[in-house]
C-alpha atoms as a PDB file:
ATOM      1  CA  MET A   1      -6.622 134.725 -82.747  1.00  0.00           C
ATOM      2  CA  PRO A   2      -3.759 137.231 -84.238  1.00  0.00           C
ATOM      3  CA  GLU A   3      -1.396 136.520 -86.411  1.00  0.00           C
ATOM      4  CA  CYS A   4       2.125 137.270 -85.895  1.00  0.00           C
ATOM      5  CA  LYS A   5       5.122 137.899 -87.978  1.00  0.00           C
ATOM      6  CA  LEU A   6       8.464 137.715 -86.588  1.00  0.00           C
ATOM      7  CA  GLY A   7      11.787 139.124 -88.731  1.00  0.00           C
ATOM      8  CA  LEU A   8      15.105 138.307 -87.079  1.00  0.00           C
ATOM      9  CA  ASN A   9      18.913 139.228 -88.526  1.00  0.00           C
ATOM     10  CA  ASP A  10      19.809 135.557 -89.669  1.00  0.00           C
ATOM     11  CA  ARG A  11      22.081 135.675 -92.167  1.00  0.00           C
ATOM     12  CA  VAL A  12      19.674 133.022 -94.461  1.00  0.00           C
ATOM     13  CA  LEU A  13      16.440 134.983 -93.825  1.00  0.00           C
ATOM     14  CA  LEU A  14      17.595 138.377 -94.959  1.00  0.00           C
ATOM     15  CA  GLU A  15      19.189 136.769 -98.335  1.00  0.00           C
ATOM     16  CA  ALA A  16      15.687 134.674 -98.873  1.00  0.00           C
ATOM     17  CA  GLN A  17      13.861 138.064 -99.055  1.00  0.00           C
ATOM     18  CA  GLY A  18      16.570 139.940-101.197  1.00  0.00           C
ATOM     19  CA  ARG A  19      17.640 142.709 -98.264  1.00  0.00           C
ATOM     20  CA  ALA A  20      21.494 143.346 -97.917  1.00  0.00           C
ATOM     21  CA  THR A  21      23.166 141.497 -95.191  1.00  0.00           C
ATOM     22  CA  LYS A  22      26.113 144.482 -93.922  1.00  0.00           C
ATOM     23  CA  GLY A  23      26.439 144.498 -90.422  1.00  0.00           C
ATOM     24  CA  LYS A  24      25.328 141.856 -87.783  1.00  0.00           C
ATOM     25  CA  ALA A  25      23.593 139.455 -89.761  1.00  0.00           C
ATOM     26  CA  ILE A  26      24.004 136.011 -87.905  1.00  0.00           C
ATOM     27  CA  ASP A  27      24.152 132.143 -89.179  1.00  0.00           C
ATOM     28  CA  LEU A  28      21.795 130.238 -87.622  1.00  0.00           C
ATOM     29  CA  GLU A  29      21.913 126.208 -88.123  1.00  0.00           C
ATOM     30  CA  ASP A  30      19.581 123.480 -86.773  1.00  0.00           C
ATOM     31  CA  ILE A  31      16.572 125.957 -86.857  1.00  0.00           C
ATOM     32  CA  LYS A  32      13.569 124.306 -85.598  1.00  0.00           C
ATOM     33  CA  PHE A  33      10.335 125.693 -85.302  1.00  0.00           C
ATOM     34  CA  HIS A  34       7.140 125.265 -82.811  1.00  0.00           C
ATOM     35  CA  GLN A  35       4.343 123.701 -84.520  1.00  0.00           C
ATOM     36  CA  CYS A  36       2.092 127.012 -84.137  1.00  0.00           C
ATOM     37  CA  VAL A  37       4.563 128.310 -87.454  1.00  0.00           C
ATOM     38  CA  ARG A  38       3.325 128.372 -90.906  1.00  0.00           C
ATOM     39  CA  LEU A  39       6.206 125.803 -92.494  1.00  0.00           C
ATOM     40  CA  ALA A  40       4.741 126.529 -95.599  1.00  0.00           C
ATOM     41  CA  ARG A  41       5.190 130.197 -95.964  1.00  0.00           C
ATOM     42  CA  PHE A  42       8.731 129.786 -94.140  1.00  0.00           C
ATOM     43  CA  GLU A  43      10.005 127.580 -97.177  1.00  0.00           C
ATOM     44  CA  ASN A  44       8.327 129.666 -99.545  1.00  0.00           C
ATOM     45  CA  ASP A  45       9.818 133.486 -98.863  1.00  0.00           C
ATOM     46  CA  ARG A  46      11.549 133.206 -95.336  1.00  0.00           C
ATOM     47  CA  THR A  47       8.762 134.531 -93.346  1.00  0.00           C
ATOM     48  CA  ILE A  48       8.084 133.497 -89.828  1.00  0.00           C
ATOM     49  CA  SER A  49       4.386 133.542 -89.537  1.00  0.00           C
ATOM     50  CA  PHE A  50       2.484 132.083 -87.161  1.00  0.00           C
ATOM     51  CA  ILE A  51      -0.674 132.039 -84.581  1.00  0.00           C
ATOM     52  CA  PRO A  52       0.569 132.103 -80.707  1.00  0.00           C
ATOM     53  CA  PRO A  53      -1.048 129.232 -78.625  1.00  0.00           C
ATOM     54  CA  ASP A  54      -1.961 130.058 -74.950  1.00  0.00           C
ATOM     55  CA  GLY A  55       0.805 130.716 -72.359  1.00  0.00           C
ATOM     56  CA  ALA A  56       4.115 130.614 -72.633  1.00  0.00           C
ATOM     57  CA  PHE A  57       6.057 128.921 -75.763  1.00  0.00           C
ATOM     58  CA  ASP A  58       9.521 128.490 -77.188  1.00  0.00           C
ATOM     59  CA  LEU A  59       8.979 129.676 -80.749  1.00  0.00           C
ATOM     60  CA  MET A  60      12.095 128.722 -82.312  1.00  0.00           C
ATOM     61  CA  THR A  61      15.535 126.754 -81.508  1.00  0.00           C
ATOM     62  CA  TYR A  62      18.412 127.216 -83.171  1.00  0.00           C
ATOM     63  CA  ARG A  63      22.380 125.731 -82.578  1.00  0.00           C
ATOM     64  CA  LEU A  64      25.576 128.196 -83.324  1.00  0.00           C
ATOM     65  CA  SER A  65      28.534 126.839 -84.856  1.00  0.00           C
ATOM     66  CA  THR A  66      31.097 129.697 -84.154  1.00  0.00           C
ATOM     67  CA  GLN A  67      33.098 129.270 -80.936  1.00  0.00           C
ATOM     68  CA  VAL A  68      31.931 131.835 -78.417  1.00  0.00           C
ATOM     69  CA  LYS A  69      34.556 132.672 -75.771  1.00  0.00           C
ATOM     70  CA  PRO A  70      33.449 132.410 -71.741  1.00  0.00           C
ATOM     71  CA  LEU A  71      31.509 134.949 -70.645  1.00  0.00           C
ATOM     72  CA  PHE A  72      32.643 134.770 -67.364  1.00  0.00           C
ATOM     73  CA  TRP A  73      36.847 134.045 -66.578  1.00  0.00           C
ATOM     74  CA  VAL A  74      37.481 132.822 -63.283  1.00  0.00           C
ATOM     75  CA  GLU A  75      41.024 131.754 -62.231  1.00  0.00           C
ATOM     76  CA  ALA A  76      41.612 130.017 -59.424  1.00  0.00           C
ATOM     77  CA  GLN A  77      44.691 129.410 -57.715  1.00  0.00           C
ATOM     78  CA  VAL A  78      45.268 127.546 -54.270  1.00  0.00           C
ATOM     79  CA  GLU A  79      47.905 126.953 -51.753  1.00  0.00           C
ATOM     80  CA  LYS A  80      48.734 124.874 -48.766  1.00  0.00           C
ATOM     81  CA  HIS A  81      50.922 125.823 -46.118  1.00  0.00           C
ATOM     82  CA  SER A  82      52.138 123.210 -43.623  1.00  0.00           C
ATOM     83  CA  LYS A  83      49.303 120.804 -44.503  1.00  0.00           C
ATOM     84  CA  SER A  84      47.072 122.924 -41.659  1.00  0.00           C
ATOM     85  CA  ARG A  85      45.899 125.728 -43.871  1.00  0.00           C
ATOM     86  CA  ILE A  86      44.976 126.702 -46.988  1.00  0.00           C
ATOM     87  CA  GLU A  87      44.624 129.934 -49.110  1.00  0.00           C
ATOM     88  CA  ILE A  88      42.321 130.324 -52.199  1.00  0.00           C
ATOM     89  CA  THR A  89      42.810 133.539 -54.354  1.00  0.00           C
ATOM     90  CA  VAL A  90      40.642 134.432 -56.876  1.00  0.00           C
ATOM     91  CA  LYS A  91      39.950 136.210 -59.690  1.00  0.00           C
ATOM     92  CA  ALA A  92      36.738 136.486 -61.347  1.00  0.00           C
ATOM     93  CA  ARG A  93      36.668 138.645 -64.815  1.00  0.00           C
ATOM     94  CA  SER A  94      33.816 139.462 -67.140  1.00  0.00           C
ATOM     95  CA  GLN A  95      34.338 139.408 -71.013  1.00  0.00           C
ATOM     96  CA  PHE A  96      31.471 141.302 -72.222  1.00  0.00           C
ATOM     97  CA  LYS A  97      31.356 144.722 -73.400  1.00  0.00           C
ATOM     98  CA  GLU A  98      30.834 147.780 -70.218  1.00  0.00           C
ATOM     99  CA  ARG A  99      27.418 148.844 -71.565  1.00  0.00           C
ATOM    100  CA  SER A 100      26.468 145.422 -70.874  1.00  0.00           C
ATOM    101  CA  THR A 101      26.010 144.271 -66.992  1.00  0.00           C
ATOM    102  CA  ALA A 102      25.617 140.681 -65.472  1.00  0.00           C
ATOM    103  CA  THR A 103      22.824 140.371 -62.367  1.00  0.00           C
ATOM    104  CA  ASN A 104      22.467 137.550 -59.296  1.00  0.00           C
ATOM    105  CA  VAL A 105      25.669 136.279 -60.168  1.00  0.00           C
ATOM    106  CA  GLU A 106      27.018 133.519 -58.197  1.00  0.00           C
ATOM    107  CA  ILE A 107      30.284 131.370 -57.887  1.00  0.00           C
ATOM    108  CA  GLU A 108      30.897 128.293 -56.529  1.00  0.00           C
ATOM    109  CA  LEU A 109      34.464 127.325 -55.509  1.00  0.00           C
ATOM    110  CA  PRO A 110      35.082 123.817 -54.110  1.00  0.00           C
ATOM    111  CA  VAL A 111      36.709 123.709 -50.814  1.00  0.00           C
ATOM    112  CA  PRO A 112      38.401 120.719 -48.943  1.00  0.00           C
ATOM    113  CA  ALA A 113      35.773 118.466 -47.615  1.00  0.00           C
ATOM    114  CA  ASP A 114      37.363 118.996 -43.791  1.00  0.00           C
ATOM    115  CA  ALA A 115      38.228 122.651 -44.696  1.00  0.00           C
ATOM    116  CA  THR A 116      37.133 125.033 -41.148  1.00  0.00           C
ATOM    117  CA  THR A 117      37.169 128.537 -39.951  1.00  0.00           C
ATOM    118  CA  PRO A 118      37.078 129.882 -42.766  1.00  0.00           C
ATOM    119  CA  ASN A 119      38.242 133.980 -43.368  1.00  0.00           C
ATOM    120  CA  VAL A 120      36.942 135.737 -46.338  1.00  0.00           C
ATOM    121  CA  ARG A 121      37.490 138.825 -48.039  1.00  0.00           C
ATOM    122  CA  THR A 122      36.189 139.995 -51.430  1.00  0.00           C
ATOM    123  CA  SER A 123      36.396 143.582 -53.450  1.00  0.00           C
ATOM    124  CA  MET A 124      33.217 143.036 -54.589  1.00  0.00           C
ATOM    125  CA  GLY A 125      29.692 141.555 -52.733  1.00  0.00           C
ATOM    126  CA  SER A 126      29.699 138.990 -50.553  1.00  0.00           C
ATOM    127  CA  ALA A 127      30.971 135.386 -49.363  1.00  0.00           C
ATOM    128  CA  ALA A 128      29.461 132.520 -47.249  1.00  0.00           C
ATOM    129  CA  TYR A 129      30.678 129.229 -46.578  1.00  0.00           C
ATOM    130  CA  ALA A 130      28.437 126.352 -47.586  1.00  0.00           C
ATOM    131  CA  PRO A 131      29.421 123.176 -45.741  1.00  0.00           C
ATOM    132  CA  GLU A 132      27.024 120.423 -47.268  1.00  0.00           C
ATOM    133  CA  LYS A 133      27.982 121.625 -50.495  1.00  0.00           C
ATOM    134  CA  ASP A 134      31.761 121.692 -49.509  1.00  0.00           C
ATOM    135  CA  ALA A 135      32.273 125.191 -51.439  1.00  0.00           C
ATOM    136  CA  LEU A 136      32.415 129.209 -50.827  1.00  0.00           C
ATOM    137  CA  ILE A 137      29.913 130.729 -52.725  1.00  0.00           C
ATOM    138  CA  TRP A 138      30.517 133.868 -53.609  1.00  0.00           C
ATOM    139  CA  LYS A 139      26.878 136.477 -54.791  1.00  0.00           C
ATOM    140  CA  ILE A 140      27.596 139.896 -57.385  1.00  0.00           C
ATOM    141  CA  ARG A 141      24.468 141.509 -57.149  1.00  0.00           C
ATOM    142  CA  SER A 142      26.135 143.581 -60.035  1.00  0.00           C
ATOM    143  CA  PHE A 143      28.538 142.986 -62.162  1.00  0.00           C
ATOM    144  CA  PRO A 144      29.406 145.070 -65.161  1.00  0.00           C
ATOM    145  CA  GLY A 145      31.591 143.964 -68.887  1.00  0.00           C
ATOM    146  CA  GLY A 146      35.166 144.751 -68.274  1.00  0.00           C
ATOM    147  CA  LYS A 147      35.437 144.383 -64.941  1.00  0.00           C
ATOM    148  CA  GLU A 148      37.195 142.161 -62.670  1.00  0.00           C
ATOM    149  CA  TYR A 149      36.867 141.285 -58.909  1.00  0.00           C
ATOM    150  CA  MET A 150      38.955 139.413 -56.566  1.00  0.00           C
ATOM    151  CA  LEU A 151      38.116 136.965 -53.771  1.00  0.00           C
ATOM    152  CA  ARG A 152      40.996 135.541 -50.899  1.00  0.00           C
ATOM    153  CA  ALA A 153      39.940 133.076 -49.006  1.00  0.00           C
ATOM    154  CA  GLU A 154      41.534 131.018 -45.752  1.00  0.00           C
ATOM    155  CA  PHE A 155      40.573 127.941 -44.346  1.00  0.00           C
ATOM    156  CA  ARG A 156      42.297 125.531 -41.771  1.00  0.00           C
ATOM    157  CA  LEU A 157      42.756 121.847 -42.013  1.00  0.00           C
ATOM    158  CA  PRO A 158      43.126 119.065 -39.916  1.00  0.00           C
ATOM    159  CA  SER A 159      46.538 118.612 -38.468  1.00  0.00           C
ATOM    160  CA  ILE A 160      46.750 114.708 -38.607  1.00  0.00           C
ATOM    161  CA  VAL A 161      46.771 113.681 -42.784  1.00  0.00           C
ATOM    162  CA  ASP A 162      46.890 110.476 -44.288  1.00  0.00           C
ATOM    163  CA  GLU A 163      50.023 110.478 -46.466  1.00  0.00           C
ATOM    164  CA  GLU A 164      48.590 107.330 -48.456  1.00  0.00           C
ATOM    165  CA  ALA A 165      45.270 108.922 -48.857  1.00  0.00           C
ATOM    166  CA  ALA A 166      44.148 109.474 -52.633  1.00  0.00           C
ATOM    167  CA  PRO A 167      45.381 112.630 -53.824  1.00  0.00           C
ATOM    168  CA  GLU A 168      41.927 115.184 -53.632  1.00  0.00           C
ATOM    169  CA  ARG A 169      39.947 115.443 -56.598  1.00  0.00           C
ATOM    170  CA  LYS A 170      39.721 118.955 -58.181  1.00  0.00           C
ATOM    171  CA  ALA A 171      35.989 119.717 -58.417  1.00  0.00           C
ATOM    172  CA  PRO A 172      34.905 122.509 -60.962  1.00  0.00           C
ATOM    173  CA  ILE A 173      33.951 126.191 -60.634  1.00  0.00           C
ATOM    174  CA  ARG A 174      30.555 126.759 -61.394  1.00  0.00           C
ATOM    175  CA  VAL A 175      28.717 129.838 -62.268  1.00  0.00           C
ATOM    176  CA  LYS A 176      25.782 131.388 -62.589  1.00  0.00           C
ATOM    177  CA  PHE A 177      24.608 134.718 -64.022  1.00  0.00           C
ATOM    178  CA  GLU A 178      21.736 136.680 -66.055  1.00  0.00           C
ATOM    179  CA  ILE A 179      22.704 139.330 -68.841  1.00  0.00           C
ATOM    180  CA  PRO A 180      19.375 141.893 -69.426  1.00  0.00           C
ATOM    181  CA  TYR A 181      19.324 142.882 -72.723  1.00  0.00           C
ATOM    182  CA  PHE A 182      22.046 141.138 -74.317  1.00  0.00           C
ATOM    183  CA  THR A 183      22.253 137.441 -76.433  1.00  0.00           C
ATOM    184  CA  VAL A 184      25.405 135.580 -76.969  1.00  0.00           C
ATOM    185  CA  SER A 185      24.370 134.783 -80.441  1.00  0.00           C
ATOM    186  CA  GLY A 186      24.017 138.573 -81.841  1.00  0.00           C
ATOM    187  CA  ILE A 187      20.836 137.998 -83.037  1.00  0.00           C
ATOM    188  CA  GLN A 188      17.927 140.463 -83.024  1.00  0.00           C
ATOM    189  CA  VAL A 189      14.021 140.975 -83.534  1.00  0.00           C
ATOM    190  CA  ARG A 190      14.178 143.087 -86.321  1.00  0.00           C
ATOM    191  CA  TYR A 191      10.376 143.417 -86.220  1.00  0.00           C
ATOM    192  CA  LEU A 192       7.076 141.821 -84.623  1.00  0.00           C
ATOM    193  CA  LYS A 193       3.786 142.655 -86.725  1.00  0.00           C
ATOM    194  CA  ILE A 194       0.503 141.399 -85.368  1.00  0.00           C
ATOM    195  CA  ILE A 195      -2.077 141.247 -87.448  1.00  0.00           C
ATOM    196  CA  GLU A 196      -5.442 141.299 -85.697  1.00  0.00           C
ATOM    197  CA  LYS A 197      -8.451 142.251 -88.032  1.00  0.00           C
ATOM    198  CA  SER A 198     -11.288 142.380 -84.847  1.00  0.00           C
ATOM    199  CA  GLY A 199      -9.601 146.048 -84.136  1.00  0.00           C
ATOM    200  CA  TYR A 200      -8.239 144.565 -80.972  1.00  0.00           C
ATOM    201  CA  GLN A 201      -5.129 146.376 -79.936  1.00  0.00           C
ATOM    202  CA  ALA A 202      -1.908 144.214 -78.823  1.00  0.00           C
ATOM    203  CA  LEU A 203       1.432 145.388 -77.375  1.00  0.00           C
ATOM    204  CA  PRO A 204       4.224 143.820 -79.398  1.00  0.00           C
ATOM    205  CA  TRP A 205       7.011 143.660 -76.468  1.00  0.00           C
ATOM    206  CA  VAL A 206      10.272 141.895 -76.896  1.00  0.00           C
ATOM    207  CA  ARG A 207      13.263 141.475 -73.873  1.00  0.00           C
ATOM    208  CA  TYR A 208      16.443 140.471 -74.665  1.00  0.00           C
ATOM    209  CA  ILE A 209      18.333 137.927 -71.573  1.00  0.00           C
ATOM    210  CA  THR A 210      21.311 135.739 -71.684  1.00  0.00           C
ATOM    211  CA  THR A 211      20.941 133.074 -68.892  1.00  0.00           C
ATOM    212  CA  ALA A 212      23.557 130.711 -67.861  1.00  0.00           C
ATOM    213  CA  GLY A 213      22.370 128.242 -65.648  1.00  0.00           C
ATOM    214  CA  GLU A 214      25.177 126.921 -64.620  1.00  0.00           C
ATOM    215  CA  TYR A 215      28.618 125.941 -66.297  1.00  0.00           C
ATOM    216  CA  GLU A 216      32.175 124.500 -65.013  1.00  0.00           C
ATOM    217  CA  LEU A 217      35.379 125.681 -64.713  1.00  0.00           C
ATOM    218  CA  ARG A 218      38.522 123.756 -63.562  1.00  0.00           C
ATOM    219  CA  LEU A 219      41.045 125.117 -60.907  1.00  0.00           C
ATOM    220  CA  ILE A 220      44.438 125.949 -61.757  1.00  0.00           C
END
C-alpha cells in the first residue's frame, strides 16, 4: 500500500507551499478530492497525499472560472436552390497551438429529414450520410492545431413542398475529438512521488489528454 504525493501547478497550492508563482500557475476553484486523500495534510500544507485504492478512480475534480474559447470552430452555410436542391458549405478550424494534434475528430452536421442523393467533397478526411440520424458525419483521423478544412455537400429535396409547414428547426452541429498531451486548463503535474517502504519498485507515469465527448454549435 504505497503512499503517493502529487504536486500540481495550481496557484493556491504553490503559494501555500511558499513557492513562486511565475509562469503558468492555474487558479482552481471548487476542488473536490477522492476519499483516499488525507484532507488534514492538505489543509495544513496543501500537499495532496493519498494511498490509492484498487482500480481506476478520480483523485480530484475542479472548476475553472476563466472563459476558454472552443478548441474547434465550425461554420456552416446552407443554401437552398429552387426548393429542390440544398448545398452545405462547412469550414472546420482548430483553435489550439500547432504542436498539438486532435485525433478521432467527428463532426455531425444536421441535414433535412427528406434529403436524398448526397454528393460530398472534403479537403480532408471522409464523410458519410447517416439517414437514420438525418445527419452527415464528417470524420478526420488527425487534425493538427492551426489548420482549417472544408466540406461541401449537395442534397436533393422533394419537388413537392408544403408552403404552410412550420419552419424547419435548426439542429446543432455536434463535435467529438481527443487531444493527447493537452489540457484545456493548462494544469500540469509537477511531480508524483511514490513512497514504498517495502522496496517494491513503482513506476510513476503521467498522461495528458483532452476529450470532448460532445459539444454543440449552431448552424448559420
